[in-house]
Amino acid sequence: MEQLTSEEQSTIRRYLARPPRGRLDYFSGFAIYLVPSFLFAIYGIWKSDFVAVALAYLVLLIAIVYIIGYQTRSSGLFYSAIKKLAEGPGGSTGDGD
């Protein structure tokens, strides 16, 4: 792993430190962001409070943008690290690059 940058090594270590996640585990991981906003939106609809509904939507939007940004950055680092490891000292992945 010496050909990897420290950021790539950190990404690989984080990935290998956790077992593969199931669908329920993914939902429970994001539920902390989704459930409060969803409940706040329901409260806003029930009380006809447009500000509460707008705030709940804004919080969800910010959470989704953050999650997408984090996933995009992590997947780029992960791809880069895996590609370097696959190429190894020979310098070829064997996929016709």
PDB file of N, CA and C in Angstrom:
ATOM      1  N   MET A   1       0.822  -1.203   0.000  1.00  0.00           N
ATOM      2  CA  MET A   1       0.000   0.000   0.000  1.00  0.00           C
ATOM      3  C   MET A   1       0.858   1.255   0.000  1.00  0.00           C
ATOM      4  N   GLU A   2       2.148   1.091  -0.183  1.00  0.00           N
ATOM      5  CA  GLU A   2       3.018   2.264  -0.139  1.00  0.00           C
ATOM      6  C   GLU A   2       2.847   3.183  -1.341  1.00  0.00           C
ATOM      7  N   GLN A   3       2.278   2.709  -2.456  1.00  0.00           N
ATOM      8  CA  GLN A   3       2.072   3.564  -3.621  1.00  0.00           C
ATOM      9  C   GLN A   3       0.820   4.437  -3.473  1.00  0.00           C
ATOM     10  N   LEU A   4       0.018   4.242  -2.410  1.00  0.00           N
ATOM     11  CA  LEU A   4      -1.201   5.014  -2.185  1.00  0.00           C
ATOM     12  C   LEU A   4      -0.900   6.273  -1.380  1.00  0.00           C
ATOM     13  N   THR A   5      -1.674   7.313  -1.624  1.00  0.00           N
ATOM     14  CA  THR A   5      -1.558   8.518  -0.805  1.00  0.00           C
ATOM     15  C   THR A   5      -2.135   8.222   0.569  1.00  0.00           C
ATOM     16  N   SER A   6      -1.841   9.068   1.545  1.00  0.00           N
ATOM     17  CA  SER A   6      -2.359   8.844   2.899  1.00  0.00           C
ATOM     18  C   SER A   6      -3.885   8.910   2.926  1.00  0.00           C
ATOM     19  N   GLU A   7      -4.480   9.758   2.090  1.00  0.00           N
ATOM     20  CA  GLU A   7      -5.932   9.867   2.014  1.00  0.00           C
ATOM     21  C   GLU A   7      -6.540   8.575   1.453  1.00  0.00           C
ATOM     22  N   GLU A   8      -5.913   8.012   0.435  1.00  0.00           N
ATOM     23  CA  GLU A   8      -6.381   6.754  -0.150  1.00  0.00           C
ATOM     24  C   GLU A   8      -6.247   5.607   0.851  1.00  0.00           C
ATOM     25  N   GLN A   9      -5.115   5.570   1.575  1.00  0.00           N
ATOM     26  CA  GLN A   9      -4.920   4.536   2.587  1.00  0.00           C
ATOM     27  C   GLN A   9      -5.980   4.628   3.673  1.00  0.00           C
ATOM     28  N   SER A  10      -6.298   5.841   4.090  1.00  0.00           N
ATOM     29  CA  SER A  10      -7.324   6.053   5.106  1.00  0.00           C
ATOM     30  C   SER A  10      -8.687   5.566   4.623  1.00  0.00           C
ATOM     31  N   THR A  11      -9.005   5.826   3.359  1.00  0.00           N
ATOM     32  CA  THR A  11     -10.282   5.374   2.789  1.00  0.00           C
ATOM     33  C   THR A  11     -10.360   3.854   2.772  1.00  0.00           C
ATOM     34  N   ILE A  12      -9.283   3.193   2.372  1.00  0.00           N
ATOM     35  CA  ILE A  12      -9.244   1.727   2.333  1.00  0.00           C
ATOM     36  C   ILE A  12      -9.383   1.160   3.748  1.00  0.00           C
ATOM     37  N   ARG A  13      -8.671   1.738   4.706  1.00  0.00           N
ATOM     38  CA  ARG A  13      -8.748   1.247   6.089  1.00  0.00           C
ATOM     39  C   ARG A  13     -10.158   1.400   6.657  1.00  0.00           C
ATOM     40  N   ARG A  14     -10.809   2.540   6.391  1.00  0.00           N
ATOM     41  CA  ARG A  14     -12.184   2.751   6.868  1.00  0.00           C
ATOM     42  C   ARG A  14     -13.124   1.728   6.249  1.00  0.00           C
ATOM     43  N   TYR A  15     -12.943   1.452   4.970  1.00  0.00           N
ATOM     44  CA  TYR A  15     -13.801   0.477   4.280  1.00  0.00           C
ATOM     45  C   TYR A  15     -13.606  -0.924   4.852  1.00  0.00           C
ATOM     46  N   LEU A  16     -12.366  -1.307   5.076  1.00  0.00           N
ATOM     47  CA  LEU A  16     -12.071  -2.653   5.565  1.00  0.00           C
ATOM     48  C   LEU A  16     -12.395  -2.829   7.047  1.00  0.00           C
ATOM     49  N   ALA A  17     -12.485  -1.737   7.794  1.00  0.00           N
ATOM     50  CA  ALA A  17     -12.765  -1.815   9.229  1.00  0.00           C
ATOM     51  C   ALA A  17     -14.223  -2.165   9.513  1.00  0.00           C
ATOM     52  N   ARG A  18     -15.104  -1.908   8.555  1.00  0.00           N
ATOM     53  CA  ARG A  18     -16.533  -2.178   8.748  1.00  0.00           C
ATOM     54  C   ARG A  18     -16.971  -3.336   7.868  1.00  0.00           C
ATOM     55  N   PRO A  19     -17.799  -4.218   8.410  1.00  0.00           N
ATOM     56  CA  PRO A  19     -18.329  -5.298   7.562  1.00  0.00           C
ATOM     57  C   PRO A  19     -19.312  -4.721   6.541  1.00  0.00           C
ATOM     58  N   PRO A  20     -19.596  -5.449   5.479  1.00  0.00           N
ATOM     59  CA  PRO A  20     -20.566  -4.963   4.490  1.00  0.00           C
ATOM     60  C   PRO A  20     -21.908  -4.663   5.150  1.00  0.00           C
ATOM     61  N   ARG A  21     -22.547  -3.599   4.679  1.00  0.00           N
ATOM     62  CA  ARG A  21     -23.808  -3.166   5.276  1.00  0.00           C
ATOM     63  C   ARG A  21     -24.991  -3.654   4.458  1.00  0.00           C
ATOM     64  N   GLY A  22     -26.052  -4.003   5.162  1.00  0.00           N
ATOM     65  CA  GLY A  22     -27.295  -4.395   4.508  1.00  0.00           C
ATOM     66  C   GLY A  22     -28.185  -3.174   4.304  1.00  0.00           C
ATOM     67  N   ARG A  23     -29.312  -3.376   3.637  1.00  0.00           N
ATOM     68  CA  ARG A  23     -30.224  -2.267   3.358  1.00  0.00           C
ATOM     69  C   ARG A  23     -30.783  -1.650   4.627  1.00  0.00           C
ATOM     70  N   LEU A  24     -31.138  -2.480   5.607  1.00  0.00           N
ATOM     71  CA  LEU A  24     -31.683  -1.963   6.856  1.00  0.00           C
ATOM     72  C   LEU A  24     -30.642  -1.132   7.592  1.00  0.00           C
ATOM     73  N   ASP A  25     -29.392  -1.552   7.536  1.00  0.00           N
ATOM     74  CA  ASP A  25     -28.322  -0.813   8.185  1.00  0.00           C
ATOM     75  C   ASP A  25     -28.129   0.554   7.525  1.00  0.00           C
ATOM     76  N   TYR A  26     -28.220   0.618   6.194  1.00  0.00           N
ATOM     77  CA  TYR A  26     -28.126   1.906   5.502  1.00  0.00           C
ATOM     78  C   TYR A  26     -29.265   2.828   5.930  1.00  0.00           C
ATOM     79  N   PHE A  27     -30.493   2.279   5.990  1.00  0.00           N
ATOM     80  CA  PHE A  27     -31.630   3.102   6.383  1.00  0.00           C
ATOM     81  C   PHE A  27     -31.454   3.628   7.797  1.00  0.00           C
ATOM     82  N   SER A  28     -31.042   2.755   8.732  1.00  0.00           N
ATOM     83  CA  SER A  28     -30.893   3.200  10.114  1.00  0.00           C
ATOM     84  C   SER A  28     -29.778   4.230  10.249  1.00  0.00           C
ATOM     85  N   GLY A  29     -28.769   4.153   9.392  1.00  0.00           N
ATOM     86  CA  GLY A  29     -27.697   5.148   9.411  1.00  0.00           C
ATOM     87  C   GLY A  29     -28.166   6.521   8.967  1.00  0.00           C
ATOM     88  N   PHE A  30     -29.088   6.565   8.022  1.00  0.00           N
ATOM     89  CA  PHE A  30     -29.598   7.839   7.527  1.00  0.00           C
ATOM     90  C   PHE A  30     -30.872   8.278   8.231  1.00  0.00           C
ATOM     91  N   ALA A  31     -31.455   7.403   9.035  1.00  0.00           N
ATOM     92  CA  ALA A  31     -32.713   7.733   9.715  1.00  0.00           C
ATOM     93  C   ALA A  31     -32.554   8.922  10.654  1.00  0.00           C
ATOM     94  N   ILE A  32     -31.371   9.095  11.212  1.00  0.00           N
ATOM     95  CA  ILE A  32     -31.143  10.218  12.110  1.00  0.00           C
ATOM     96  C   ILE A  32     -31.338  11.558  11.389  1.00  0.00           C
ATOM     97  N   TYR A  33     -31.125  11.582  10.088  1.00  0.00           N
ATOM     98  CA  TYR A  33     -31.346  12.801   9.300  1.00  0.00           C
ATOM     99  C   TYR A  33     -32.786  12.879   8.797  1.00  0.00           C
ATOM    100  N   LEU A  34     -33.326  11.746   8.405  1.00  0.00           N
ATOM    101  CA  LEU A  34     -34.620  11.740   7.728  1.00  0.00           C
ATOM    102  C   LEU A  34     -35.818  11.832   8.661  1.00  0.00           C
ATOM    103  N   VAL A  35     -35.814  11.070   9.730  1.00  0.00           N
ATOM    104  CA  VAL A  35     -36.995  10.981  10.594  1.00  0.00           C
ATOM    105  C   VAL A  35     -37.354  12.312  11.252  1.00  0.00           C
ATOM    106  N   PRO A  36     -36.417  13.034  11.892  1.00  0.00           N
ATOM    107  CA  PRO A  36     -36.810  14.308  12.507  1.00  0.00           C
ATOM    108  C   PRO A  36     -37.370  15.316  11.498  1.00  0.00           C
ATOM    109  N   SER A  37     -36.752  15.398  10.324  1.00  0.00           N
ATOM    110  CA  SER A  37     -37.244  16.322   9.310  1.00  0.00           C
ATOM    111  C   SER A  37     -38.623  15.906   8.813  1.00  0.00           C
ATOM    112  N   PHE A  38     -38.821  14.615   8.644  1.00  0.00           N
ATOM    113  CA  PHE A  38     -40.110  14.104   8.201  1.00  0.00           C
ATOM    114  C   PHE A  38     -41.196  14.416   9.239  1.00  0.00           C
ATOM    115  N   LEU A  39     -40.894  14.176  10.515  1.00  0.00           N
ATOM    116  CA  LEU A  39     -41.861  14.466  11.572  1.00  0.00           C
ATOM    117  C   LEU A  39     -42.150  15.965  11.672  1.00  0.00           C
ATOM    118  N   PHE A  40     -41.123  16.783  11.499  1.00  0.00           N
ATOM    119  CA  PHE A  40     -41.303  18.232  11.534  1.00  0.00           C
ATOM    120  C   PHE A  40     -42.184  18.691  10.372  1.00  0.00           C
ATOM    121  N   ALA A  41     -42.006  18.083   9.214  1.00  0.00           N
ATOM    122  CA  ALA A  41     -42.838  18.417   8.053  1.00  0.00           C
ATOM    123  C   ALA A  41     -44.291  18.008   8.297  1.00  0.00           C
ATOM    124  N   ILE A  42     -44.502  16.834   8.884  1.00  0.00           N
ATOM    125  CA  ILE A  42     -45.870  16.396   9.193  1.00  0.00           C
ATOM    126  C   ILE A  42     -46.523  17.362  10.185  1.00  0.00           C
ATOM    127  N   TYR A  43     -45.748  17.779  11.189  1.00  0.00           N
ATOM    128  CA  TYR A  43     -46.269  18.752  12.149  1.00  0.00           C
ATOM    129  C   TYR A  43     -46.649  20.054  11.436  1.00  0.00           C
ATOM    130  N   GLY A  44     -45.785  20.508  10.532  1.00  0.00           N
ATOM    131  CA  GLY A  44     -46.064  21.738   9.787  1.00  0.00           C
ATOM    132  C   GLY A  44     -47.317  21.630   8.934  1.00  0.00           C
ATOM    133  N   ILE A  45     -47.509  20.476   8.315  1.00  0.00           N
ATOM    134  CA  ILE A  45     -48.716  20.263   7.499  1.00  0.00           C
ATOM    135  C   ILE A  45     -49.947  20.218   8.400  1.00  0.00           C
ATOM    136  N   TRP A  46     -49.822  19.526   9.526  1.00  0.00           N
ATOM    137  CA  TRP A  46     -50.947  19.402  10.457  1.00  0.00           C
ATOM    138  C   TRP A  46     -51.378  20.761  11.008  1.00  0.00           C
ATOM    139  N   LYS A  47     -50.400  21.618  11.335  1.00  0.00           N
ATOM    140  CA  LYS A  47     -50.696  22.939  11.883  1.00  0.00           C
ATOM    141  C   LYS A  47     -50.817  24.012  10.800  1.00  0.00           C
ATOM    142  N   SER A  48     -50.714  23.613   9.544  1.00  0.00           N
ATOM    143  CA  SER A  48     -50.739  24.550   8.411  1.00  0.00           C
ATOM    144  C   SER A  48     -49.670  25.638   8.561  1.00  0.00           C
ATOM    145  N   ASP A  49     -48.476  25.206   8.976  1.00  0.00           N
ATOM    146  CA  ASP A  49     -47.353  26.126   9.197  1.00  0.00           C
ATOM    147  C   ASP A  49     -46.366  25.979   8.038  1.00  0.00           C
ATOM    148  N   PHE A  50     -46.445  26.902   7.089  1.00  0.00           N
ATOM    149  CA  PHE A  50     -45.588  26.842   5.901  1.00  0.00           C
ATOM    150  C   PHE A  50     -44.114  26.931   6.263  1.00  0.00           C
ATOM    151  N   VAL A  51     -43.769  27.724   7.276  1.00  0.00           N
ATOM    152  CA  VAL A  51     -42.365  27.877   7.673  1.00  0.00           C
ATOM    153  C   VAL A  51     -41.797  26.549   8.174  1.00  0.00           C
ATOM    154  N   ALA A  52     -42.569  25.796   8.952  1.00  0.00           N
ATOM    155  CA  ALA A  52     -42.106  24.497   9.455  1.00  0.00           C
ATOM    156  C   ALA A  52     -41.870  23.517   8.310  1.00  0.00           C
ATOM    157  N   VAL A  53     -42.780  23.506   7.349  1.00  0.00           N
ATOM    158  CA  VAL A  53     -42.627  22.613   6.198  1.00  0.00           C
ATOM    159  C   VAL A  53     -41.399  23.018   5.377  1.00  0.00           C
ATOM    160  N   ALA A  54     -41.227  24.315   5.152  1.00  0.00           N
ATOM    161  CA  ALA A  54     -40.073  24.799   4.377  1.00  0.00           C
ATOM    162  C   ALA A  54     -38.768  24.492   5.099  1.00  0.00           C
ATOM    163  N   LEU A  55     -38.740  24.655   6.423  1.00  0.00           N
ATOM    164  CA  LEU A  55     -37.532  24.366   7.195  1.00  0.00           C
ATOM    165  C   LEU A  55     -37.193  22.871   7.137  1.00  0.00           C
ATOM    166  N   ALA A  56     -38.203  22.027   7.268  1.00  0.00           N
ATOM    167  CA  ALA A  56     -37.968  20.584   7.174  1.00  0.00           C
ATOM    168  C   ALA A  56     -37.412  20.212   5.802  1.00  0.00           C
ATOM    169  N   TYR A  57     -37.964  20.801   4.752  1.00  0.00           N
ATOM    170  CA  TYR A  57     -37.481  20.536   3.393  1.00  0.00           C
ATOM    171  C   TYR A  57     -36.042  21.009   3.235  1.00  0.00           C
ATOM    172  N   LEU A  58     -35.733  22.181   3.764  1.00  0.00           N
ATOM    173  CA  LEU A  58     -34.379  22.732   3.661  1.00  0.00           C
ATOM    174  C   LEU A  58     -33.372  21.832   4.380  1.00  0.00           C
ATOM    175  N   VAL A  59     -33.733  21.353   5.559  1.00  0.00           N
ATOM    176  CA  VAL A  59     -32.839  20.457   6.295  1.00  0.00           C
ATOM    177  C   VAL A  59     -32.600  19.169   5.510  1.00  0.00           C
ATOM    178  N   LEU A  60     -33.657  18.608   4.938  1.00  0.00           N
ATOM    179  CA  LEU A  60     -33.500  17.398   4.122  1.00  0.00           C
ATOM    180  C   LEU A  60     -32.620  17.656   2.906  1.00  0.00           C
ATOM    181  N   LEU A  61     -32.830  18.790   2.256  1.00  0.00           N
ATOM    182  CA  LEU A  61     -32.031  19.137   1.081  1.00  0.00           C
ATOM    183  C   LEU A  61     -30.549  19.258   1.437  1.00  0.00           C
ATOM    184  N   ILE A  62     -30.258  19.936   2.538  1.00  0.00           N
ATOM    185  CA  ILE A  62     -28.865  20.084   2.968  1.00  0.00           C
ATOM    186  C   ILE A  62     -28.259  18.719   3.298  1.00  0.00           C
ATOM    187  N   ALA A  63     -29.017  17.870   3.991  1.00  0.00           N
ATOM    188  CA  ALA A  63     -28.508  16.532   4.334  1.00  0.00           C
ATOM    189  C   ALA A  63     -28.225  15.712   3.087  1.00  0.00           C
ATOM    190  N   ILE A  64     -29.110  15.777   2.119  1.00  0.00           N
ATOM    191  CA  ILE A  64     -28.924  14.999   0.889  1.00  0.00           C
ATOM    192  C   ILE A  64     -27.719  15.504   0.103  1.00  0.00           C
ATOM    193  N   VAL A  65     -27.559  16.820   0.012  1.00  0.00           N
ATOM    194  CA  VAL A  65     -26.403  17.380  -0.701  1.00  0.00           C
ATOM    195  C   VAL A  65     -25.112  16.965  -0.001  1.00  0.00           C
ATOM    196  N   TYR A  66     -25.104  17.005   1.334  1.00  0.00           N
ATOM    197  CA  TYR A  66     -23.921  16.590   2.084  1.00  0.00           C
ATOM    198  C   TYR A  66     -23.608  15.112   1.840  1.00  0.00           C
ATOM    199  N   ILE A  67     -24.629  14.267   1.927  1.00  0.00           N
ATOM    200  CA  ILE A  67     -24.426  12.826   1.746  1.00  0.00           C
ATOM    201  C   ILE A  67     -23.930  12.513   0.338  1.00  0.00           C
ATOM    202  N   ILE A  68     -24.522  13.139  -0.665  1.00  0.00           N
ATOM    203  CA  ILE A  68     -24.081  12.913  -2.046  1.00  0.00           C
ATOM    204  C   ILE A  68     -22.639  13.386  -2.225  1.00  0.00           C
ATOM    205  N   GLY A  69     -22.311  14.546  -1.682  1.00  0.00           N
ATOM    206  CA  GLY A  69     -20.943  15.052  -1.788  1.00  0.00           C
ATOM    207  C   GLY A  69     -19.935  14.138  -1.123  1.00  0.00           C
ATOM    208  N   TYR A  70     -20.273  13.656   0.073  1.00  0.00           N
ATOM    209  CA  TYR A  70     -19.381  12.757   0.794  1.00  0.00           C
ATOM    210  C   TYR A  70     -19.198  11.447   0.035  1.00  0.00           C
ATOM    211  N   GLN A  71     -20.297  10.886  -0.459  1.00  0.00           N
ATOM    212  CA  GLN A  71     -20.223   9.619  -1.199  1.00  0.00           C
ATOM    213  C   GLN A  71     -19.417   9.781  -2.487  1.00  0.00           C
ATOM    214  N   THR A  72     -19.611  10.900  -3.167  1.00  0.00           N
ATOM    215  CA  THR A  72     -18.873  11.148  -4.406  1.00  0.00           C
ATOM    216  C   THR A  72     -17.381  11.240  -4.140  1.00  0.00           C
ATOM    217  N   ARG A  73     -17.001  11.984  -3.109  1.00  0.00           N
ATOM    218  CA  ARG A  73     -15.586  12.143  -2.768  1.00  0.00           C
ATOM    219  C   ARG A  73     -14.991  10.799  -2.354  1.00  0.00           C
ATOM    220  N   SER A  74     -15.690  10.069  -1.494  1.00  0.00           N
ATOM    221  CA  SER A  74     -15.177   8.780  -1.019  1.00  0.00           C
ATOM    222  C   SER A  74     -15.053   7.765  -2.145  1.00  0.00           C
ATOM    223  N   SER A  75     -16.045   7.727  -3.042  1.00  0.00           N
ATOM    224  CA  SER A  75     -15.973   6.744  -4.123  1.00  0.00           C
ATOM    225  C   SER A  75     -14.838   7.071  -5.085  1.00  0.00           C
ATOM    226  N   GLY A  76     -14.552   8.362  -5.282  1.00  0.00           N
ATOM    227  CA  GLY A  76     -13.419   8.740  -6.128  1.00  0.00           C
ATOM    228  C   GLY A  76     -12.098   8.285  -5.536  1.00  0.00           C
ATOM    229  N   LEU A  77     -11.931   8.505  -4.227  1.00  0.00           N
ATOM    230  CA  LEU A  77     -10.711   8.057  -3.549  1.00  0.00           C
ATOM    231  C   LEU A  77     -10.606   6.536  -3.564  1.00  0.00           C
ATOM    232  N   PHE A  78     -11.731   5.871  -3.313  1.00  0.00           N
ATOM    233  CA  PHE A  78     -11.736   4.409  -3.288  1.00  0.00           C
ATOM    234  C   PHE A  78     -11.364   3.856  -4.665  1.00  0.00           C
ATOM    235  N   TYR A  79     -11.950   4.409  -5.723  1.00  0.00           N
ATOM    236  CA  TYR A  79     -11.638   3.961  -7.078  1.00  0.00           C
ATOM    237  C   TYR A  79     -10.156   4.169  -7.383  1.00  0.00           C
ATOM    238  N   SER A  80      -9.633   5.329  -7.028  1.00  0.00           N
ATOM    239  CA  SER A  80      -8.235   5.640  -7.281  1.00  0.00           C
ATOM    240  C   SER A  80      -7.318   4.648  -6.551  1.00  0.00           C
ATOM    241  N   ALA A  81      -7.637   4.361  -5.286  1.00  0.00           N
ATOM    242  CA  ALA A  81      -6.814   3.447  -4.501  1.00  0.00           C
ATOM    243  C   ALA A  81      -6.879   2.030  -5.060  1.00  0.00           C
ATOM    244  N   ILE A  82      -8.073   1.561  -5.381  1.00  0.00           N
ATOM    245  CA  ILE A  82      -8.228   0.207  -5.924  1.00  0.00           C
ATOM    246  C   ILE A  82      -7.516   0.078  -7.268  1.00  0.00           C
ATOM    247  N   LYS A  83      -7.597   1.107  -8.093  1.00  0.00           N
ATOM    248  CA  LYS A  83      -6.920   1.074  -9.397  1.00  0.00           C
ATOM    249  C   LYS A  83      -5.410   0.959  -9.212  1.00  0.00           C
ATOM    250  N   LYS A  84      -4.847   1.736  -8.277  1.00  0.00           N
ATOM    251  CA  LYS A  84      -3.405   1.654  -8.023  1.00  0.00           C
ATOM    252  C   LYS A  84      -3.018   0.273  -7.513  1.00  0.00           C
ATOM    253  N   LEU A  85      -3.840  -0.286  -6.613  1.00  0.00           N
ATOM    254  CA  LEU A  85      -3.533  -1.619  -6.086  1.00  0.00           C
ATOM    255  C   LEU A  85      -3.645  -2.688  -7.173  1.00  0.00           C
ATOM    256  N   ALA A  86      -4.637  -2.546  -8.055  1.00  0.00           N
ATOM    257  CA  ALA A  86      -4.815  -3.522  -9.131  1.00  0.00           C
ATOM    258  C   ALA A  86      -3.675  -3.447 -10.135  1.00  0.00           C
ATOM    259  N   GLU A  87      -3.204  -2.246 -10.398  1.00  0.00           N
ATOM    260  CA  GLU A  87      -2.092  -2.089 -11.345  1.00  0.00           C
ATOM    261  C   GLU A  87      -0.819  -2.683 -10.772  1.00  0.00           C
ATOM    262  N   GLY A  88      -0.612  -2.481  -9.478  1.00  0.00           N
ATOM    263  CA  GLY A  88       0.568  -3.041  -8.816  1.00  0.00           C
ATOM    264  C   GLY A  88       1.850  -2.554  -9.445  1.00  0.00           C
ATOM    265  N   PRO A  89       2.936  -3.250  -9.206  1.00  0.00           N
ATOM    266  CA  PRO A  89       4.227  -2.838  -9.735  1.00  0.00           C
ATOM    267  C   PRO A  89       4.320  -2.945 -11.268  1.00  0.00           C
ATOM    268  N   GLY A  90       3.498  -3.808 -11.890  1.00  0.00           N
ATOM    269  CA  GLY A  90       3.565  -3.975 -13.344  1.00  0.00           C
ATOM    270  C   GLY A  90       2.982  -2.796 -14.105  1.00  0.00           C
ATOM    271  N   GLY A  91       2.042  -2.083 -13.493  1.00  0.00           N
ATOM    272  CA  GLY A  91       1.501  -0.884 -14.127  1.00  0.00           C
ATOM    273  C   GLY A  91       0.336  -1.120 -15.063  1.00  0.00           C
ATOM    274  N   SER A  92      -0.272  -2.325 -15.077  1.00  0.00           N
ATOM    275  CA  SER A  92      -1.396  -2.576 -15.971  1.00  0.00           C
ATOM    276  C   SER A  92      -2.505  -3.306 -15.233  1.00  0.00           C
ATOM    277  N   THR A  93      -3.742  -2.879 -15.480  1.00  0.00           N
ATOM    278  CA  THR A  93      -4.893  -3.547 -14.849  1.00  0.00           C
ATOM    279  C   THR A  93      -5.399  -4.689 -15.703  1.00  0.00           C
ATOM    280  N   GLY A  94      -4.976  -4.765 -16.926  1.00  0.00           N
ATOM    281  CA  GLY A  94      -5.395  -5.837 -17.800  1.00  0.00           C
ATOM    282  C   GLY A  94      -6.745  -5.590 -18.460  1.00  0.00           C
ATOM    283  N   ASP A  95      -7.295  -4.373 -18.322  1.00  0.00           N
ATOM    284  CA  ASP A  95      -8.597  -4.078 -18.925  1.00  0.00           C
ATOM    285  C   ASP A  95      -8.498  -3.235 -20.194  1.00  0.00           C
ATOM    286  N   GLY A  96      -7.322  -3.142 -20.753  1.00  0.00           N
ATOM    287  CA  GLY A  96      -7.147  -2.447 -22.018  1.00  0.00           C
ATOM    288  C   GLY A  96      -6.990  -0.946 -21.891  1.00  0.00           C
ATOM    289  N   ASP A  97      -6.619  -0.440 -20.707  1.00  0.00           N
ATOM    290  CA  ASP A  97      -6.430   1.013 -20.540  1.00  0.00           C
ATOM    291  C   ASP A  97      -5.282   1.513 -21.377  1.00  0.00           C
TER     292      ASP A  97
END
